[in-house]
Amino acid sequence: MFDHPLAYAYLCAYLLPCASEVNRTKERLNAFAAASGLELAATFVEDDARRPLAFERFFRAVVRDQVEVVLLPSLLHVMVLGSPGRIREYFEAATEARIVIIDQDVTNLVGEAIS
């Protein structure tokens, strides 16, 4: 069992210019989780915009594992699925998980998400 609230992350590799930027983004997600008192248990990486298979695995894992917090580098990483604002609303309603965007000042959001 984890000592901190469990979190998952999702990102789209095809939005980033190169593999090293994908790795830096994963490092930023890990650093954000650690600084926020979250246990980042998995990061799901989408490689193909035409077939969002990683998003499907991500969604199912969040529901199955009852994850309360999910991390995204930005809402652009869910835009292939539709309007980022709508996807956020639908995702949070369907999973009961709170989406936290790490590129924003989210101090209050993280506190709300894990309380």
N, C-alpha and C. Protein backbone atom coordinates (compact mmCIF):
# COMPACT_ATOMS: atom_id res chain seq x y z
N MET A 1 0.83 -1.18 0.00
CA MET A 1 0.00 0.00 0.00
C MET A 1 0.87 1.24 0.00
N PHE A 2 0.36 2.32 -0.55
CA PHE A 2 1.10 3.57 -0.66
C PHE A 2 0.89 4.45 0.57
N ASP A 3 1.94 5.20 0.93
CA ASP A 3 1.85 6.11 2.06
C ASP A 3 1.15 7.41 1.69
N HIS A 4 1.16 7.76 0.39
CA HIS A 4 0.57 9.00 -0.10
C HIS A 4 -0.59 8.67 -1.03
N PRO A 5 -1.48 9.65 -1.26
CA PRO A 5 -2.57 9.40 -2.22
C PRO A 5 -2.01 8.99 -3.59
N LEU A 6 -2.65 8.03 -4.19
CA LEU A 6 -2.24 7.48 -5.48
C LEU A 6 -2.63 8.42 -6.61
N ALA A 7 -1.73 8.61 -7.56
CA ALA A 7 -2.00 9.43 -8.74
C ALA A 7 -1.50 8.70 -9.98
N TYR A 8 -2.16 8.95 -11.11
CA TYR A 8 -1.70 8.50 -12.41
C TYR A 8 -1.51 9.74 -13.27
N ALA A 9 -0.69 9.60 -14.31
CA ALA A 9 -0.46 10.71 -15.23
C ALA A 9 -0.66 10.24 -16.66
N TYR A 10 -0.95 11.19 -17.51
CA TYR A 10 -1.17 10.92 -18.93
C TYR A 10 -0.51 12.02 -19.75
N LEU A 11 0.14 11.63 -20.83
CA LEU A 11 0.70 12.63 -21.75
C LEU A 11 0.73 12.07 -23.16
N CYS A 12 0.74 12.97 -24.12
CA CYS A 12 0.80 12.60 -25.53
C CYS A 12 2.19 12.89 -26.06
N ALA A 13 2.92 11.84 -26.39
CA ALA A 13 4.29 11.99 -26.88
C ALA A 13 4.33 12.75 -28.21
N TYR A 14 3.32 12.58 -29.05
CA TYR A 14 3.34 13.21 -30.36
C TYR A 14 3.19 14.73 -30.28
N LEU A 15 2.80 15.28 -29.13
CA LEU A 15 2.74 16.73 -28.96
C LEU A 15 4.09 17.33 -28.61
N LEU A 16 5.01 16.49 -28.24
CA LEU A 16 6.33 16.95 -27.81
C LEU A 16 7.33 16.74 -28.94
N PRO A 17 8.32 17.64 -29.06
CA PRO A 17 9.19 17.62 -30.23
C PRO A 17 10.14 16.43 -30.35
N CYS A 18 10.49 15.79 -29.24
CA CYS A 18 11.45 14.69 -29.32
C CYS A 18 11.35 13.81 -28.07
N ALA A 19 12.01 12.67 -28.14
CA ALA A 19 11.97 11.71 -27.03
C ALA A 19 12.54 12.29 -25.74
N SER A 20 13.56 13.13 -25.85
CA SER A 20 14.12 13.71 -24.62
C SER A 20 13.12 14.63 -23.94
N GLU A 21 12.25 15.28 -24.71
CA GLU A 21 11.22 16.13 -24.11
C GLU A 21 10.14 15.28 -23.44
N VAL A 22 9.86 14.12 -24.00
CA VAL A 22 8.93 13.19 -23.35
C VAL A 22 9.50 12.79 -21.99
N ASN A 23 10.78 12.46 -21.96
CA ASN A 23 11.42 12.09 -20.70
C ASN A 23 11.44 13.25 -19.71
N ARG A 24 11.70 14.46 -20.18
CA ARG A 24 11.67 15.63 -19.28
C ARG A 24 10.27 15.86 -18.73
N THR A 25 9.27 15.65 -19.56
CA THR A 25 7.89 15.82 -19.10
C THR A 25 7.54 14.78 -18.04
N LYS A 26 7.99 13.55 -18.23
CA LYS A 26 7.78 12.52 -17.20
C LYS A 26 8.47 12.92 -15.90
N GLU A 27 9.68 13.46 -16.00
CA GLU A 27 10.40 13.92 -14.80
C GLU A 27 9.64 15.04 -14.10
N ARG A 28 9.08 15.98 -14.89
CA ARG A 28 8.29 17.07 -14.30
C ARG A 28 7.04 16.52 -13.60
N LEU A 29 6.39 15.55 -14.21
CA LEU A 29 5.22 14.93 -13.58
C LEU A 29 5.61 14.26 -12.26
N ASN A 30 6.71 13.53 -12.27
CA ASN A 30 7.18 12.88 -11.04
C ASN A 30 7.55 13.89 -9.97
N ALA A 31 8.24 14.95 -10.36
CA ALA A 31 8.64 15.98 -9.40
C ALA A 31 7.43 16.69 -8.82
N PHE A 32 6.44 16.98 -9.68
CA PHE A 32 5.22 17.63 -9.20
C PHE A 32 4.50 16.73 -8.21
N ALA A 33 4.37 15.46 -8.54
CA ALA A 33 3.69 14.52 -7.64
C ALA A 33 4.40 14.46 -6.30
N ALA A 34 5.71 14.33 -6.31
CA ALA A 34 6.48 14.24 -5.06
C ALA A 34 6.31 15.51 -4.23
N ALA A 35 6.38 16.67 -4.87
CA ALA A 35 6.25 17.94 -4.16
C ALA A 35 4.83 18.14 -3.62
N SER A 36 3.87 17.47 -4.23
CA SER A 36 2.47 17.60 -3.82
C SER A 36 2.02 16.52 -2.86
N GLY A 37 2.93 15.63 -2.47
CA GLY A 37 2.58 14.57 -1.55
C GLY A 37 1.77 13.45 -2.20
N LEU A 38 1.95 13.27 -3.50
CA LEU A 38 1.23 12.22 -4.23
C LEU A 38 2.19 11.10 -4.60
N GLU A 39 1.67 9.90 -4.71
CA GLU A 39 2.44 8.75 -5.17
C GLU A 39 2.08 8.51 -6.63
N LEU A 40 2.96 8.93 -7.55
CA LEU A 40 2.71 8.73 -8.97
C LEU A 40 3.03 7.28 -9.32
N ALA A 41 1.98 6.48 -9.45
CA ALA A 41 2.14 5.04 -9.62
C ALA A 41 2.31 4.64 -11.08
N ALA A 42 1.80 5.44 -12.01
CA ALA A 42 1.92 5.10 -13.43
C ALA A 42 1.78 6.35 -14.28
N THR A 43 2.50 6.34 -15.40
CA THR A 43 2.36 7.40 -16.40
C THR A 43 2.02 6.71 -17.72
N PHE A 44 0.92 7.11 -18.30
CA PHE A 44 0.44 6.54 -19.56
C PHE A 44 0.84 7.49 -20.68
N VAL A 45 1.53 6.96 -21.69
CA VAL A 45 2.05 7.78 -22.78
C VAL A 45 1.37 7.39 -24.09
N GLU A 46 0.72 8.37 -24.70
CA GLU A 46 0.03 8.17 -25.98
C GLU A 46 1.02 8.42 -27.11
N ASP A 47 1.11 7.46 -28.03
CA ASP A 47 2.04 7.59 -29.15
C ASP A 47 1.35 7.90 -30.48
N ASP A 48 0.07 7.60 -30.60
CA ASP A 48 -0.62 7.72 -31.88
C ASP A 48 -1.93 8.49 -31.70
N ALA A 49 -2.02 9.66 -32.30
CA ALA A 49 -3.22 10.49 -32.16
C ALA A 49 -4.44 9.85 -32.80
N ARG A 50 -4.22 8.98 -33.78
CA ARG A 50 -5.35 8.36 -34.49
C ARG A 50 -6.01 7.26 -33.68
N ARG A 51 -5.25 6.67 -32.75
CA ARG A 51 -5.78 5.57 -31.93
C ARG A 51 -5.34 5.78 -30.48
N PRO A 52 -6.15 6.46 -29.69
CA PRO A 52 -5.75 6.77 -28.31
C PRO A 52 -5.85 5.56 -27.36
N LEU A 53 -5.03 4.55 -27.64
CA LEU A 53 -5.06 3.33 -26.83
C LEU A 53 -4.55 3.55 -25.42
N ALA A 54 -3.54 4.40 -25.26
CA ALA A 54 -3.03 4.68 -23.91
C ALA A 54 -4.08 5.40 -23.09
N PHE A 55 -4.87 6.27 -23.72
CA PHE A 55 -5.92 6.95 -22.97
C PHE A 55 -6.95 5.94 -22.49
N GLU A 56 -7.29 4.99 -23.33
CA GLU A 56 -8.25 3.95 -22.92
C GLU A 56 -7.71 3.17 -21.71
N ARG A 57 -6.44 2.77 -21.76
CA ARG A 57 -5.84 2.06 -20.62
C ARG A 57 -5.80 2.95 -19.38
N PHE A 58 -5.47 4.22 -19.58
CA PHE A 58 -5.42 5.20 -18.50
C PHE A 58 -6.80 5.33 -17.84
N PHE A 59 -7.82 5.53 -18.65
CA PHE A 59 -9.18 5.69 -18.13
C PHE A 59 -9.62 4.46 -17.33
N ARG A 60 -9.41 3.29 -17.91
CA ARG A 60 -9.81 2.05 -17.23
C ARG A 60 -9.05 1.86 -15.92
N ALA A 61 -7.76 2.18 -15.91
CA ALA A 61 -6.96 2.04 -14.70
C ALA A 61 -7.41 3.00 -13.61
N VAL A 62 -7.75 4.23 -13.99
CA VAL A 62 -8.23 5.21 -13.00
C VAL A 62 -9.51 4.71 -12.35
N VAL A 63 -10.42 4.19 -13.15
CA VAL A 63 -11.69 3.67 -12.61
C VAL A 63 -11.42 2.42 -11.76
N ARG A 64 -10.68 1.48 -12.30
CA ARG A 64 -10.41 0.21 -11.61
C ARG A 64 -9.72 0.43 -10.26
N ASP A 65 -8.72 1.31 -10.26
CA ASP A 65 -7.92 1.51 -9.05
C ASP A 65 -8.43 2.64 -8.17
N GLN A 66 -9.54 3.25 -8.56
CA GLN A 66 -10.18 4.33 -7.81
C GLN A 66 -9.19 5.44 -7.47
N VAL A 67 -8.43 5.83 -8.49
CA VAL A 67 -7.45 6.91 -8.35
C VAL A 67 -8.20 8.23 -8.21
N GLU A 68 -7.78 9.04 -7.25
CA GLU A 68 -8.46 10.30 -6.99
C GLU A 68 -7.84 11.50 -7.69
N VAL A 69 -6.58 11.39 -8.10
CA VAL A 69 -5.89 12.51 -8.73
C VAL A 69 -5.18 12.01 -9.99
N VAL A 70 -5.39 12.73 -11.10
CA VAL A 70 -4.66 12.46 -12.32
C VAL A 70 -3.93 13.72 -12.73
N LEU A 71 -2.72 13.53 -13.22
CA LEU A 71 -1.87 14.65 -13.60
C LEU A 71 -1.72 14.71 -15.11
N LEU A 72 -1.81 15.92 -15.65
CA LEU A 72 -1.57 16.18 -17.07
C LEU A 72 -0.58 17.33 -17.18
N PRO A 73 0.30 17.30 -18.19
CA PRO A 73 1.19 18.45 -18.40
C PRO A 73 0.39 19.70 -18.76
N SER A 74 -0.66 19.53 -19.57
CA SER A 74 -1.59 20.60 -19.93
C SER A 74 -2.84 19.95 -20.50
N LEU A 75 -3.91 20.73 -20.63
CA LEU A 75 -5.13 20.17 -21.21
C LEU A 75 -4.96 19.83 -22.69
N LEU A 76 -3.94 20.37 -23.35
CA LEU A 76 -3.69 20.03 -24.74
C LEU A 76 -3.48 18.53 -24.93
N HIS A 77 -3.06 17.87 -23.90
CA HIS A 77 -2.76 16.43 -24.01
C HIS A 77 -4.03 15.58 -24.11
N VAL A 78 -5.19 16.17 -23.93
CA VAL A 78 -6.44 15.43 -24.14
C VAL A 78 -7.25 15.98 -25.32
N MET A 79 -6.67 16.91 -26.07
CA MET A 79 -7.43 17.56 -27.14
C MET A 79 -7.79 16.63 -28.29
N VAL A 80 -7.06 15.55 -28.51
CA VAL A 80 -7.40 14.61 -29.58
C VAL A 80 -8.76 13.98 -29.34
N LEU A 81 -9.21 13.99 -28.11
CA LEU A 81 -10.49 13.38 -27.75
C LEU A 81 -11.66 14.34 -27.88
N GLY A 82 -11.38 15.61 -28.13
CA GLY A 82 -12.42 16.62 -28.24
C GLY A 82 -11.99 17.89 -27.53
N SER A 83 -12.94 18.72 -27.24
CA SER A 83 -12.66 19.97 -26.54
C SER A 83 -12.04 19.68 -25.17
N PRO A 84 -10.84 20.21 -24.90
CA PRO A 84 -10.18 19.90 -23.62
C PRO A 84 -11.05 20.18 -22.39
N GLY A 85 -11.79 21.28 -22.40
CA GLY A 85 -12.65 21.59 -21.27
C GLY A 85 -13.75 20.56 -21.08
N ARG A 86 -14.35 20.14 -22.19
CA ARG A 86 -15.41 19.12 -22.13
C ARG A 86 -14.86 17.77 -21.69
N ILE A 87 -13.71 17.39 -22.24
CA ILE A 87 -13.10 16.12 -21.87
C ILE A 87 -12.80 16.11 -20.38
N ARG A 88 -12.28 17.22 -19.88
CA ARG A 88 -11.98 17.31 -18.44
C ARG A 88 -13.26 17.10 -17.63
N GLU A 89 -14.31 17.79 -18.02
CA GLU A 89 -15.59 17.68 -17.31
C GLU A 89 -16.12 16.25 -17.35
N TYR A 90 -16.12 15.63 -18.52
CA TYR A 90 -16.61 14.26 -18.67
C TYR A 90 -15.74 13.27 -17.89
N PHE A 91 -14.42 13.43 -18.02
CA PHE A 91 -13.50 12.52 -17.35
C PHE A 91 -13.70 12.57 -15.84
N GLU A 92 -13.77 13.77 -15.29
CA GLU A 92 -13.93 13.91 -13.84
C GLU A 92 -15.27 13.36 -13.37
N ALA A 93 -16.32 13.56 -14.16
CA ALA A 93 -17.64 13.03 -13.79
C ALA A 93 -17.66 11.50 -13.87
N ALA A 94 -17.03 10.94 -14.88
CA ALA A 94 -17.06 9.49 -15.08
C ALA A 94 -16.17 8.74 -14.11
N THR A 95 -15.07 9.35 -13.69
CA THR A 95 -14.09 8.63 -12.87
C THR A 95 -14.07 9.06 -11.41
N GLU A 96 -14.65 10.23 -11.14
CA GLU A 96 -14.58 10.84 -9.80
C GLU A 96 -13.15 11.20 -9.41
N ALA A 97 -12.26 11.28 -10.40
CA ALA A 97 -10.88 11.70 -10.17
C ALA A 97 -10.76 13.18 -10.54
N ARG A 98 -9.89 13.86 -9.86
CA ARG A 98 -9.64 15.27 -10.13
C ARG A 98 -8.44 15.40 -11.07
N ILE A 99 -8.61 16.13 -12.17
CA ILE A 99 -7.50 16.39 -13.08
C ILE A 99 -6.74 17.60 -12.57
N VAL A 100 -5.43 17.43 -12.44
CA VAL A 100 -4.55 18.51 -12.02
C VAL A 100 -3.58 18.77 -13.16
N ILE A 101 -3.52 20.03 -13.57
CA ILE A 101 -2.62 20.45 -14.64
C ILE A 101 -1.34 20.95 -14.00
N ILE A 102 -0.22 20.32 -14.31
CA ILE A 102 1.02 20.67 -13.61
C ILE A 102 1.62 21.97 -14.09
N ASP A 103 1.22 22.46 -15.26
CA ASP A 103 1.79 23.71 -15.78
C ASP A 103 1.06 24.94 -15.27
N GLN A 104 0.17 24.78 -14.32
CA GLN A 104 -0.54 25.90 -13.72
C GLN A 104 -0.19 25.96 -12.25
N ASP A 105 -0.50 27.09 -11.62
CA ASP A 105 -0.33 27.19 -10.18
C ASP A 105 -1.50 26.42 -9.57
N VAL A 106 -1.23 25.20 -9.09
CA VAL A 106 -2.30 24.31 -8.65
C VAL A 106 -2.23 23.99 -7.17
N THR A 107 -1.61 24.82 -6.40
CA THR A 107 -1.48 24.53 -4.98
C THR A 107 -2.84 24.24 -4.35
N ASN A 108 -3.80 25.07 -4.64
CA ASN A 108 -5.13 24.87 -4.06
C ASN A 108 -5.84 23.67 -4.65
N LEU A 109 -5.66 23.43 -5.95
CA LEU A 109 -6.30 22.29 -6.59
C LEU A 109 -5.83 20.98 -6.01
N VAL A 110 -4.54 20.86 -5.77
CA VAL A 110 -4.02 19.62 -5.21
C VAL A 110 -4.57 19.41 -3.81
N GLY A 111 -4.61 20.44 -3.02
CA GLY A 111 -5.17 20.33 -1.68
C GLY A 111 -6.61 19.88 -1.72
N GLU A 112 -7.39 20.43 -2.65
CA GLU A 112 -8.78 20.03 -2.78
C GLU A 112 -8.90 18.59 -3.27
N ALA A 113 -8.02 18.22 -4.19
CA ALA A 113 -8.11 16.89 -4.80
C ALA A 113 -7.82 15.78 -3.82
N ILE A 114 -6.95 16.02 -2.86
CA ILE A 114 -6.57 14.92 -1.96
C ILE A 114 -7.21 15.04 -0.59
N SER A 115 -8.04 16.04 -0.41
CA SER A 115 -8.70 16.17 0.90
C SER A 115 -10.00 15.40 0.94
